[in-house]
């Protein structure tokens, strides 16, 4: 028994260690059971799309268009220097 620990501290540490190991075993078993069960399951059909409500305005399905900005040679050099500085010179 370590000299600097009291008996209640040592008992609490032991209980915590045993509980941690039990939790690890429990989680491992659950993960293995779910993994083996997932292989045996059949693929579920895709649910149909919800009906369109005519009172609501239609929304775009895609996001905004892509934008591109051409950098000047000085900006490209500054960016390359920043990448080298943050990357540790790699």
PDB file of N, CA and C in Angstrom:
ATOM      1  N   UNK A   1       0.845  -1.168   0.000  1.00  0.00           N
ATOM      2  CA  UNK A   1       0.000   0.000   0.000  1.00  0.00           C
ATOM      3  C   UNK A   1       0.898   1.242   0.000  1.00  0.00           C
ATOM      4  N   UNK A   2       0.646   2.202  -0.933  1.00  0.00           N
ATOM      5  CA  UNK A   2       1.455   3.416  -0.959  1.00  0.00           C
ATOM      6  C   UNK A   2       1.315   4.194   0.348  1.00  0.00           C
ATOM      7  N   UNK A   3       2.396   4.803   0.763  1.00  0.00           N
ATOM      8  CA  UNK A   3       2.439   5.492   2.052  1.00  0.00           C
ATOM      9  C   UNK A   3       1.598   6.764   2.027  1.00  0.00           C
ATOM     10  N   UNK A   4       1.566   7.461   0.916  1.00  0.00           N
ATOM     11  CA  UNK A   4       0.892   8.757   0.851  1.00  0.00           C
ATOM     12  C   UNK A   4      -0.619   8.637   0.649  1.00  0.00           C
ATOM     13  N   UNK A   5      -1.188   7.435   0.493  1.00  0.00           N
ATOM     14  CA  UNK A   5      -2.627   7.258   0.334  1.00  0.00           C
ATOM     15  C   UNK A   5      -3.224   6.683   1.613  1.00  0.00           C
ATOM     16  N   UNK A   6      -4.368   7.244   1.981  1.00  0.00           N
ATOM     17  CA  UNK A   6      -5.082   6.682   3.121  1.00  0.00           C
ATOM     18  C   UNK A   6      -5.899   5.485   2.644  1.00  0.00           C
ATOM     19  N   UNK A   7      -6.399   4.703   3.583  1.00  0.00           N
ATOM     20  CA  UNK A   7      -7.177   3.521   3.211  1.00  0.00           C
ATOM     21  C   UNK A   7      -8.434   3.888   2.410  1.00  0.00           C
ATOM     22  N   UNK A   8      -9.218   4.908   2.794  1.00  0.00           N
ATOM     23  CA  UNK A   8     -10.398   5.256   1.977  1.00  0.00           C
ATOM     24  C   UNK A   8     -10.023   5.685   0.558  1.00  0.00           C
ATOM     25  N   UNK A   9      -8.909   6.408   0.416  1.00  0.00           N
ATOM     26  CA  UNK A   9      -8.479   6.803  -0.919  1.00  0.00           C
ATOM     27  C   UNK A   9      -8.100   5.586  -1.752  1.00  0.00           C
ATOM     28  N   UNK A  10      -7.394   4.655  -1.157  1.00  0.00           N
ATOM     29  CA  UNK A  10      -6.990   3.444  -1.859  1.00  0.00           C
ATOM     30  C   UNK A  10      -8.210   2.600  -2.230  1.00  0.00           C
ATOM     31  N   UNK A  11      -9.180   2.510  -1.335  1.00  0.00           N
ATOM     32  CA  UNK A  11     -10.400   1.755  -1.615  1.00  0.00           C
ATOM     33  C   UNK A  11     -11.178   2.403  -2.753  1.00  0.00           C
ATOM     34  N   UNK A  12     -11.289   3.731  -2.738  1.00  0.00           N
ATOM     35  CA  UNK A  12     -11.998   4.438  -3.807  1.00  0.00           C
ATOM     36  C   UNK A  12     -11.284   4.250  -5.140  1.00  0.00           C
ATOM     37  N   UNK A  13      -9.967   4.284  -5.133  1.00  0.00           N
ATOM     38  CA  UNK A  13      -9.198   4.080  -6.357  1.00  0.00           C
ATOM     39  C   UNK A  13      -9.402   2.671  -6.900  1.00  0.00           C
ATOM     40  N   UNK A  14      -9.458   1.692  -6.007  1.00  0.00           N
ATOM     41  CA  UNK A  14      -9.680   0.301  -6.426  1.00  0.00           C
ATOM     42  C   UNK A  14     -11.076   0.133  -7.015  1.00  0.00           C
ATOM     43  N   UNK A  15     -12.080   0.705  -6.350  1.00  0.00           N
ATOM     44  CA  UNK A  15     -13.457   0.614  -6.859  1.00  0.00           C
ATOM     45  C   UNK A  15     -13.552   1.299  -8.218  1.00  0.00           C
ATOM     46  N   UNK A  16     -12.926   2.440  -8.379  1.00  0.00           N
ATOM     47  CA  UNK A  16     -12.949   3.151  -9.651  1.00  0.00           C
ATOM     48  C   UNK A  16     -12.273   2.343 -10.753  1.00  0.00           C
ATOM     49  N   UNK A  17     -11.160   1.699 -10.452  1.00  0.00           N
ATOM     50  CA  UNK A  17     -10.460   0.889 -11.444  1.00  0.00           C
ATOM     51  C   UNK A  17     -11.311  -0.312 -11.860  1.00  0.00           C
ATOM     52  N   UNK A  18     -11.937  -0.982 -10.889  1.00  0.00           N
ATOM     53  CA  UNK A  18     -12.782  -2.139 -11.209  1.00  0.00           C
ATOM     54  C   UNK A  18     -13.991  -1.699 -12.021  1.00  0.00           C
ATOM     55  N   UNK A  19     -14.599  -0.562 -11.678  1.00  0.00           N
ATOM     56  CA  UNK A  19     -15.750  -0.061 -12.429  1.00  0.00           C
ATOM     57  C   UNK A  19     -15.351   0.306 -13.854  1.00  0.00           C
ATOM     58  N   UNK A  20     -14.166   0.869 -14.024  1.00  0.00           N
ATOM     59  CA  UNK A  20     -13.695   1.228 -15.365  1.00  0.00           C
ATOM     60  C   UNK A  20     -13.494  -0.013 -16.227  1.00  0.00           C
ATOM     61  N   UNK A  21     -12.916  -1.035 -15.663  1.00  0.00           N
ATOM     62  CA  UNK A  21     -12.694  -2.269 -16.422  1.00  0.00           C
ATOM     63  C   UNK A  21     -14.030  -2.923 -16.765  1.00  0.00           C
ATOM     64  N   UNK A  22     -14.976  -2.927 -15.821  1.00  0.00           N
ATOM     65  CA  UNK A  22     -16.296  -3.504 -16.088  1.00  0.00           C
ATOM     66  C   UNK A  22     -17.005  -2.724 -17.186  1.00  0.00           C
ATOM     67  N   UNK A  23     -16.913  -1.397 -17.161  1.00  0.00           N
ATOM     68  CA  UNK A  23     -17.532  -0.569 -18.202  1.00  0.00           C
ATOM     69  C   UNK A  23     -16.902  -0.853 -19.557  1.00  0.00           C
ATOM     70  N   UNK A  24     -15.589  -1.001 -19.618  1.00  0.00           N
ATOM     71  CA  UNK A  24     -14.906  -1.288 -20.871  1.00  0.00           C
ATOM     72  C   UNK A  24     -15.351  -2.632 -21.444  1.00  0.00           C
ATOM     73  N   UNK A  25     -15.478  -3.640 -20.596  1.00  0.00           N
ATOM     74  CA  UNK A  25     -15.945  -4.952 -21.058  1.00  0.00           C
ATOM     75  C   UNK A  25     -17.382  -4.854 -21.557  1.00  0.00           C
ATOM     76  N   UNK A  26     -18.235  -4.127 -20.842  1.00  0.00           N
ATOM     77  CA  UNK A  26     -19.625  -3.967 -21.231  1.00  0.00           C
ATOM     78  C   UNK A  26     -19.749  -3.277 -22.589  1.00  0.00           C
ATOM     79  N   UNK A  27     -19.025  -2.191 -22.769  1.00  0.00           N
ATOM     80  CA  UNK A  27     -19.094  -1.448 -24.037  1.00  0.00           C
ATOM     81  C   UNK A  27     -18.547  -2.297 -25.180  1.00  0.00           C
ATOM     82  N   UNK A  28     -17.489  -3.045 -24.938  1.00  0.00           N
ATOM     83  CA  UNK A  28     -16.929  -3.909 -25.974  1.00  0.00           C
ATOM     84  C   UNK A  28     -17.937  -4.961 -26.404  1.00  0.00           C
ATOM     85  N   UNK A  29     -18.645  -5.560 -25.448  1.00  0.00           N
ATOM     86  CA  UNK A  29     -19.651  -6.568 -25.797  1.00  0.00           C
ATOM     87  C   UNK A  29     -20.801  -5.952 -26.584  1.00  0.00           C
ATOM     88  N   UNK A  30     -21.243  -4.779 -26.189  1.00  0.00           N
ATOM     89  CA  UNK A  30     -22.329  -4.108 -26.902  1.00  0.00           C
ATOM     90  C   UNK A  30     -21.902  -3.799 -28.332  1.00  0.00           C
ATOM     91  N   UNK A  31     -20.691  -3.298 -28.504  1.00  0.00           N
ATOM     92  CA  UNK A  31     -20.210  -2.962 -29.852  1.00  0.00           C
ATOM     93  C   UNK A  31     -20.094  -4.212 -30.715  1.00  0.00           C
ATOM     94  N   UNK A  32     -19.600  -5.305 -30.166  1.00  0.00           N
ATOM     95  CA  UNK A  32     -19.493  -6.542 -30.933  1.00  0.00           C
ATOM     96  C   UNK A  32     -20.866  -7.078 -31.310  1.00  0.00           C
ATOM     97  N   UNK A  33     -21.825  -7.007 -30.386  1.00  0.00           N
ATOM     98  CA  UNK A  33     -23.169  -7.498 -30.667  1.00  0.00           C
ATOM     99  C   UNK A  33     -23.820  -6.659 -31.769  1.00  0.00           C
ATOM    100  N   UNK A  34     -23.651  -5.353 -31.719  1.00  0.00           N
ATOM    101  CA  UNK A  34     -24.232  -4.487 -32.745  1.00  0.00           C
ATOM    102  C   UNK A  34     -23.564  -4.697 -34.095  1.00  0.00           C
ATOM    103  N   UNK A  35     -22.265  -4.933 -34.088  1.00  0.00           N
ATOM    104  CA  UNK A  35     -21.551  -5.135 -35.352  1.00  0.00           C
ATOM    105  C   UNK A  35     -21.982  -6.440 -36.000  1.00  0.00           C
ATOM    106  N   UNK A  36     -22.086  -7.505 -35.225  1.00  0.00           N
ATOM    107  CA  UNK A  36     -22.487  -8.787 -35.803  1.00  0.00           C
ATOM    108  C   UNK A  36     -23.952  -8.757 -36.201  1.00  0.00           C
ATOM    109  N   UNK A  37     -24.789  -8.025 -35.498  1.00  0.00           N
ATOM    110  CA  UNK A  37     -26.199  -7.921 -35.847  1.00  0.00           C
ATOM    111  C   UNK A  37     -26.422  -7.090 -37.093  1.00  0.00           C
ATOM    112  N   UNK A  38     -25.538  -6.126 -37.347  1.00  0.00           N
ATOM    113  CA  UNK A  38     -25.697  -5.262 -38.520  1.00  0.00           C
ATOM    114  C   UNK A  38     -25.449  -6.036 -39.804  1.00  0.00           C
ATOM    115  N   UNK A  39     -24.585  -7.041 -39.758  1.00  0.00           N
ATOM    116  CA  UNK A  39     -24.295  -7.819 -40.959  1.00  0.00           C
ATOM    117  C   UNK A  39     -25.472  -8.707 -41.340  1.00  0.00           C
ATOM    118  N   UNK A  40     -26.232  -9.152 -40.343  1.00  0.00           N
ATOM    119  CA  UNK A  40     -27.332 -10.072 -40.602  1.00  0.00           C
ATOM    120  C   UNK A  40     -28.609  -9.340 -41.008  1.00  0.00           C
ATOM    121  N   UNK A  41     -28.700  -8.053 -40.742  1.00  0.00           N
ATOM    122  CA  UNK A  41     -29.907  -7.301 -41.061  1.00  0.00           C
ATOM    123  C   UNK A  41     -30.044  -7.107 -42.557  1.00  0.00           C
ATOM    124  N   UNK A  42     -31.288  -6.995 -42.999  1.00  0.00           N
ATOM    125  CA  UNK A  42     -31.539  -6.697 -44.401  1.00  0.00           C
ATOM    126  C   UNK A  42     -31.581  -5.189 -44.569  1.00  0.00           C
ATOM    127  N   UNK A  43     -31.404  -4.752 -45.792  1.00  0.00           N
ATOM    128  CA  UNK A  43     -31.419  -3.326 -46.089  1.00  0.00           C
ATOM    129  C   UNK A  43     -32.863  -2.862 -46.104  1.00  0.00           C
ATOM    130  N   UNK A  44     -33.128  -1.787 -45.371  1.00  0.00           N
ATOM    131  CA  UNK A  44     -34.474  -1.245 -45.317  1.00  0.00           C
ATOM    132  C   UNK A  44     -34.739  -0.398 -46.549  1.00  0.00           C
ATOM    133  N   UNK A  45     -35.974  -0.404 -47.046  1.00  0.00           N
ATOM    134  CA  UNK A  45     -36.268   0.436 -48.205  1.00  0.00           C
ATOM    135  C   UNK A  45     -36.224   1.913 -47.825  1.00  0.00           C
ATOM    136  N   UNK A  46     -35.910   2.747 -48.802  1.00  0.00           N
ATOM    137  CA  UNK A  46     -35.845   4.189 -48.583  1.00  0.00           C
ATOM    138  C   UNK A  46     -37.272   4.717 -48.472  1.00  0.00           C
ATOM    139  N   UNK A  47     -37.567   5.505 -47.442  1.00  0.00           N
ATOM    140  CA  UNK A  47     -38.926   6.026 -47.312  1.00  0.00           C
ATOM    141  C   UNK A  47     -39.217   7.025 -48.430  1.00  0.00           C
ATOM    142  N   UNK A  48     -40.476   7.137 -48.827  1.00  0.00           N
ATOM    143  CA  UNK A  48     -40.808   8.080 -49.901  1.00  0.00           C
ATOM    144  C   UNK A  48     -40.613   9.515 -49.437  1.00  0.00           C
ATOM    145  N   UNK A  49     -40.407  10.399 -50.402  1.00  0.00           N
ATOM    146  CA  UNK A  49     -40.214  11.806 -50.090  1.00  0.00           C
ATOM    147  C   UNK A  49     -41.524  12.379 -49.544  1.00  0.00           C
ATOM    148  N   UNK A  50     -41.420  13.325 -48.612  1.00  0.00           N
ATOM    149  CA  UNK A  50     -42.652  13.911 -48.077  1.00  0.00           C
ATOM    150  C   UNK A  50     -43.371  14.709 -49.162  1.00  0.00           C
ATOM    151  N   UNK A  51     -44.684  14.820 -49.058  1.00  0.00           N
ATOM    152  CA  UNK A  51     -45.427  15.562 -50.079  1.00  0.00           C
ATOM    153  C   UNK A  51     -45.073  17.046 -50.038  1.00  0.00           C
ATOM    154  N   UNK A  52     -45.123  17.675 -51.188  1.00  0.00           N
ATOM    155  CA  UNK A  52     -44.820  19.098 -51.295  1.00  0.00           C
ATOM    156  C   UNK A  52     -46.071  19.878 -50.929  1.00  0.00           C
ATOM    157  N   UNK A  53     -45.900  20.845 -50.053  1.00  0.00           N
ATOM    158  CA  UNK A  53     -47.032  21.678 -49.656  1.00  0.00           C
ATOM    159  C   UNK A  53     -47.139  22.847 -50.629  1.00  0.00           C
ATOM    160  N   UNK A  54     -48.263  22.998 -51.319  1.00  0.00           N
ATOM    161  CA  UNK A  54     -48.374  24.055 -52.330  1.00  0.00           C
ATOM    162  C   UNK A  54     -48.395  25.455 -51.733  1.00  0.00           C
ATOM    163  N   UNK A  55     -48.741  25.622 -50.471  1.00  0.00           N
ATOM    164  CA  UNK A  55     -48.819  26.954 -49.887  1.00  0.00           C
ATOM    165  C   UNK A  55     -47.439  27.516 -49.559  1.00  0.00           C
ATOM    166  N   UNK A  56     -46.431  26.639 -49.431  1.00  0.00           N
ATOM    167  CA  UNK A  56     -45.096  27.105 -49.090  1.00  0.00           C
ATOM    168  C   UNK A  56     -44.280  27.352 -50.354  1.00  0.00           C
ATOM    169  N   UNK A  57     -43.457  28.398 -50.358  1.00  0.00           N
ATOM    170  CA  UNK A  57     -42.627  28.642 -51.548  1.00  0.00           C
ATOM    171  C   UNK A  57     -41.568  27.554 -51.692  1.00  0.00           C
ATOM    172  N   UNK A  58     -41.220  27.250 -52.929  1.00  0.00           N
ATOM    173  CA  UNK A  58     -40.197  26.238 -53.189  1.00  0.00           C
ATOM    174  C   UNK A  58     -38.828  26.791 -52.829  1.00  0.00           C
ATOM    175  N   UNK A  59     -37.983  25.917 -52.300  1.00  0.00           N
ATOM    176  CA  UNK A  59     -36.637  26.322 -51.940  1.00  0.00           C
ATOM    177  C   UNK A  59     -35.646  25.682 -52.897  1.00  0.00           C
ATOM    178  N   UNK A  60     -34.528  26.360 -53.082  1.00  0.00           N
ATOM    179  CA  UNK A  60     -33.494  25.812 -53.946  1.00  0.00           C
ATOM    180  C   UNK A  60     -32.875  24.597 -53.279  1.00  0.00           C
ATOM    181  N   UNK A  61     -32.539  23.602 -54.072  1.00  0.00           N
ATOM    182  CA  UNK A  61     -31.955  22.374 -53.543  1.00  0.00           C
ATOM    183  C   UNK A  61     -30.451  22.492 -53.358  1.00  0.00           C
ATOM    184  N   UNK A  62     -29.828  23.425 -54.021  1.00  0.00           N
ATOM    185  CA  UNK A  62     -28.373  23.540 -53.911  1.00  0.00           C
ATOM    186  C   UNK A  62     -28.019  24.835 -53.185  1.00  0.00           C
ATOM    187  N   UNK A  63     -26.802  24.926 -52.775  1.00  0.00           N
ATOM    188  CA  UNK A  63     -26.318  26.106 -52.074  1.00  0.00           C
ATOM    189  C   UNK A  63     -25.958  27.208 -53.054  1.00  0.00           C
ATOM    190  N   UNK A  64     -25.378  28.262 -52.569  1.00  0.00           N
ATOM    191  CA  UNK A  64     -24.994  29.361 -53.453  1.00  0.00           C
ATOM    192  C   UNK A  64     -23.896  28.926 -54.413  1.00  0.00           C
ATOM    193  N   UNK A  65     -23.787  29.633 -55.508  1.00  0.00           N
ATOM    194  CA  UNK A  65     -22.772  29.320 -56.505  1.00  0.00           C
ATOM    195  C   UNK A  65     -21.370  29.509 -55.945  1.00  0.00           C
ATOM    196  N   UNK A  66     -20.412  28.822 -56.550  1.00  0.00           N
ATOM    197  CA  UNK A  66     -19.026  28.953 -56.098  1.00  0.00           C
ATOM    198  C   UNK A  66     -18.444  30.263 -56.591  1.00  0.00           C
ATOM    199  N   UNK A  67     -17.605  30.819 -55.748  1.00  0.00           N
ATOM    200  CA  UNK A  67     -16.913  32.047 -56.120  1.00  0.00           C
ATOM    201  C   UNK A  67     -15.425  31.761 -56.161  1.00  0.00           C
ATOM    202  N   UNK A  68     -14.743  32.411 -57.058  1.00  0.00           N
ATOM    203  CA  UNK A  68     -13.304  32.239 -57.172  1.00  0.00           C
ATOM    204  C   UNK A  68     -12.663  33.619 -57.307  1.00  0.00           C
ATOM    205  N   UNK A  69     -11.570  33.811 -56.614  1.00  0.00           N
ATOM    206  CA  UNK A  69     -10.830  35.069 -56.676  1.00  0.00           C
ATOM    207  C   UNK A  69      -9.402  34.727 -57.069  1.00  0.00           C
ATOM    208  N   UNK A  70      -8.906  35.394 -58.073  1.00  0.00           N
ATOM    209  CA  UNK A  70      -7.539  35.163 -58.518  1.00  0.00           C
ATOM    210  C   UNK A  70      -6.594  35.963 -57.623  1.00  0.00           C
ATOM    211  N   UNK A  71      -5.566  35.296 -57.105  1.00  0.00           N
ATOM    212  CA  UNK A  71      -4.603  35.955 -56.226  1.00  0.00           C
ATOM    213  C   UNK A  71      -3.462  36.543 -57.040  1.00  0.00           C
ATOM    214  N   UNK A  72      -2.951  37.642 -56.537  1.00  0.00           N
ATOM    215  CA  UNK A  72      -1.784  38.248 -57.181  1.00  0.00           C
ATOM    216  C   UNK A  72      -0.554  37.440 -56.787  1.00  0.00           C
ATOM    217  N   UNK A  73       0.542  37.568 -57.528  1.00  0.00           N
ATOM    218  CA  UNK A  73       1.766  36.845 -57.158  1.00  0.00           C
ATOM    219  C   UNK A  73       2.242  37.164 -55.744  1.00  0.00           C
ATOM    220  N   UNK A  74       2.084  38.399 -55.290  1.00  0.00           N
ATOM    221  CA  UNK A  74       2.501  38.758 -53.935  1.00  0.00           C
ATOM    222  C   UNK A  74       1.632  38.040 -52.898  1.00  0.00           C
ATOM    223  N   UNK A  75       0.337  37.935 -53.181  1.00  0.00           N
ATOM    224  CA  UNK A  75      -0.557  37.229 -52.258  1.00  0.00           C
ATOM    225  C   UNK A  75      -0.247  35.731 -52.241  1.00  0.00           C
ATOM    226  N   UNK A  76       0.067  35.173 -53.404  1.00  0.00           N
ATOM    227  CA  UNK A  76       0.432  33.753 -53.467  1.00  0.00           C
ATOM    228  C   UNK A  76       1.694  33.485 -52.658  1.00  0.00           C
ATOM    229  N   UNK A  77       2.692  34.377 -52.770  1.00  0.00           N
ATOM    230  CA  UNK A  77       3.926  34.220 -52.003  1.00  0.00           C
ATOM    231  C   UNK A  77       3.664  34.347 -50.498  1.00  0.00           C
ATOM    232  N   UNK A  78       2.812  35.301 -50.122  1.00  0.00           N
ATOM    233  CA  UNK A  78       2.494  35.478 -48.703  1.00  0.00           C
ATOM    234  C   UNK A  78       1.772  34.246 -48.162  1.00  0.00           C
ATOM    235  N   UNK A  79       0.858  33.693 -48.945  1.00  0.00           N
ATOM    236  CA  UNK A  79       0.130  32.507 -48.517  1.00  0.00           C
ATOM    237  C   UNK A  79       1.074  31.315 -48.401  1.00  0.00           C
ATOM    238  N   UNK A  80       1.986  31.160 -49.367  1.00  0.00           N
ATOM    239  CA  UNK A  80       2.951  30.069 -49.305  1.00  0.00           C
ATOM    240  C   UNK A  80       3.844  30.210 -48.074  1.00  0.00           C
ATOM    241  N   UNK A  81       4.245  31.440 -47.740  1.00  0.00           N
ATOM    242  CA  UNK A  81       5.048  31.662 -46.536  1.00  0.00           C
ATOM    243  C   UNK A  81       4.276  31.315 -45.271  1.00  0.00           C
ATOM    244  N   UNK A  82       2.989  31.652 -45.250  1.00  0.00           N
ATOM    245  CA  UNK A  82       2.150  31.330 -44.089  1.00  0.00           C
ATOM    246  C   UNK A  82       1.995  29.819 -43.935  1.00  0.00           C
ATOM    247  N   UNK A  83       1.815  29.132 -45.055  1.00  0.00           N
ATOM    248  CA  UNK A  83       1.698  27.659 -44.997  1.00  0.00           C
ATOM    249  C   UNK A  83       2.984  27.054 -44.499  1.00  0.00           C
ATOM    250  N   UNK A  84       4.128  27.536 -44.961  1.00  0.00           N
ATOM    251  CA  UNK A  84       5.419  27.018 -44.484  1.00  0.00           C
ATOM    252  C   UNK A  84       5.591  27.296 -42.997  1.00  0.00           C
ATOM    253  N   UNK A  85       5.183  28.480 -42.551  1.00  0.00           N
ATOM    254  CA  UNK A  85       5.334  28.834 -41.137  1.00  0.00           C
ATOM    255  C   UNK A  85       4.436  27.950 -40.264  1.00  0.00           C
ATOM    256  N   UNK A  86       3.199  27.725 -40.666  1.00  0.00           N
ATOM    257  CA  UNK A  86       2.287  26.916 -39.868  1.00  0.00           C
ATOM    258  C   UNK A  86       2.595  25.432 -39.986  1.00  0.00           C
ATOM    259  N   UNK A  87       3.173  25.023 -41.119  1.00  0.00           N
ATOM    260  CA  UNK A  87       3.493  23.624 -41.313  1.00  0.00           C
ATOM    261  C   UNK A  87       4.842  23.211 -40.738  1.00  0.00           C
ATOM    262  N   UNK A  88       5.531  24.120 -40.087  1.00  0.00           N
ATOM    263  CA  UNK A  88       6.812  23.780 -39.484  1.00  0.00           C
ATOM    264  C   UNK A  88       7.924  23.641 -40.523  1.00  0.00           C
ATOM    265  N   UNK A  89       7.822  24.315 -41.654  1.00  0.00           N
ATOM    266  CA  UNK A  89       8.856  24.270 -42.668  1.00  0.00           C
ATOM    267  C   UNK A  89       8.788  23.057 -43.584  1.00  0.00           C
ATOM    268  N   UNK A  90       7.703  22.311 -43.496  1.00  0.00           N
ATOM    269  CA  UNK A  90       7.573  21.133 -44.380  1.00  0.00           C
ATOM    270  C   UNK A  90       7.164  21.520 -45.748  1.00  0.00           C
TER     271      UNK A  90
END
